[in-house]
Amino acid sequence: MFTYETADQKEVRRFRIAQFNGRMATVKSGDSTVTGFVRSVLEQDSSIPPRWTITIVPSAPKQESKPIRLGARVRPFAEDYF
């Protein structure tokens, strides 16, 4: 699990919407980028300005699909036309 802390209300709203809708969210923190499902969004009560701790469950990166290799076109009954 990846824990991320922020004070940006717009970002927190985006994470809450992603959590509610069951969508994946992407966080870019420094050099690393994490994509996954939002598990929790918790507000820290004792901090000023308000801060939130967001927990994300990273998902495995998608493997690139190889293009389907097309074979030679077979035209059944082609000899019937000649």
Protein backbone atom coordinates (compact mmCIF):
# COMPACT_ATOMS: atom_id res chain seq x y z
CA MET A 1 0.00 0.00 0.00
CA PHE A 2 1.09 3.53 -0.73
CA THR A 3 0.36 6.32 1.74
CA TYR A 4 0.21 9.89 0.48
CA GLU A 5 -0.30 13.06 2.51
CA THR A 6 -1.66 16.30 1.07
CA ALA A 7 -3.25 19.62 2.05
CA ASP A 8 -4.74 20.31 -1.40
CA GLN A 9 -8.55 20.17 -1.17
CA LYS A 10 -9.01 19.73 -4.94
CA GLU A 11 -6.74 16.72 -4.92
CA VAL A 12 -8.56 15.21 -1.94
CA ARG A 13 -11.89 15.66 -3.72
CA ARG A 14 -10.50 13.87 -6.77
CA PHE A 15 -9.39 10.93 -4.61
CA ARG A 16 -12.74 10.74 -2.82
CA ILE A 17 -14.60 10.66 -6.13
CA ALA A 18 -12.27 7.94 -7.43
CA GLN A 19 -12.85 5.92 -4.26
CA PHE A 20 -16.63 6.32 -4.43
CA ASN A 21 -16.82 5.36 -8.12
CA GLY A 22 -14.32 2.50 -7.84
CA ARG A 23 -11.93 4.06 -10.33
CA MET A 24 -8.18 4.03 -10.30
CA ALA A 25 -6.29 7.17 -9.31
CA THR A 26 -2.75 8.26 -10.14
CA VAL A 27 -0.42 10.04 -7.72
CA LYS A 28 2.82 11.64 -8.77
CA SER A 29 5.10 12.14 -5.81
CA GLY A 30 8.59 13.33 -6.62
CA ASP A 31 10.07 10.95 -9.18
CA SER A 32 7.64 8.08 -8.61
CA THR A 33 4.16 7.65 -10.05
CA VAL A 34 1.69 5.27 -8.41
CA THR A 35 -1.60 4.16 -9.97
CA GLY A 36 -4.14 2.15 -8.04
CA PHE A 37 -7.42 2.03 -6.18
CA VAL A 38 -8.05 4.47 -3.30
CA ARG A 39 -8.58 2.55 -0.07
CA SER A 40 -9.08 5.40 2.37
CA VAL A 41 -9.08 9.19 2.70
CA LEU A 42 -8.58 10.29 6.31
CA GLU A 43 -8.51 13.85 7.62
CA GLN A 44 -6.08 14.71 10.38
CA ASP A 45 -8.09 16.62 12.97
CA SER A 46 -5.28 18.32 14.84
CA SER A 47 -3.52 20.00 11.93
CA ILE A 48 -3.89 23.55 10.68
CA PRO A 49 -4.24 23.89 7.70
CA PRO A 50 -6.24 20.67 7.32
CA ARG A 51 -4.28 17.71 5.97
CA TRP A 52 -5.43 14.38 4.59
CA THR A 53 -3.78 10.98 4.46
CA ILE A 54 -4.69 8.95 1.38
CA THR A 55 -4.01 5.23 1.13
CA ILE A 56 -3.73 3.71 -2.34
CA VAL A 57 -3.49 0.02 -3.21
CA PRO A 58 -1.19 -0.07 -6.25
CA SER A 59 -2.23 -2.20 -9.19
CA ALA A 60 0.12 -4.16 -11.41
CA PRO A 61 1.09 -2.30 -14.56
CA LYS A 62 -0.67 -3.47 -17.68
CA GLN A 63 1.43 -5.50 -20.03
CA GLU A 64 1.64 -4.21 -23.56
CA SER A 65 -0.36 -6.39 -25.85
CA LYS A 66 1.38 -7.66 -28.93
CA PRO A 67 -0.41 -7.08 -32.21
CA ILE A 68 -2.22 -10.09 -33.56
CA ARG A 69 -0.33 -11.70 -36.37
CA LEU A 70 -2.60 -12.00 -39.32
CA GLY A 71 -2.20 -15.06 -41.50
CA ALA A 72 -2.70 -15.30 -45.22
CA ARG A 73 -6.24 -14.67 -46.34
CA VAL A 74 -7.94 -17.85 -47.30
CA ARG A 75 -10.78 -17.47 -49.71
CA PRO A 76 -12.83 -20.61 -49.57
CA PHE A 77 -14.47 -21.57 -52.81
CA ALA A 78 -12.32 -19.07 -54.76
CA GLU A 79 -11.89 -21.61 -57.50
CA ASP A 80 -15.67 -21.57 -58.09
CA TYR A 81 -15.43 -18.04 -59.49
CA PHE A 82 -13.06 -18.99 -62.31
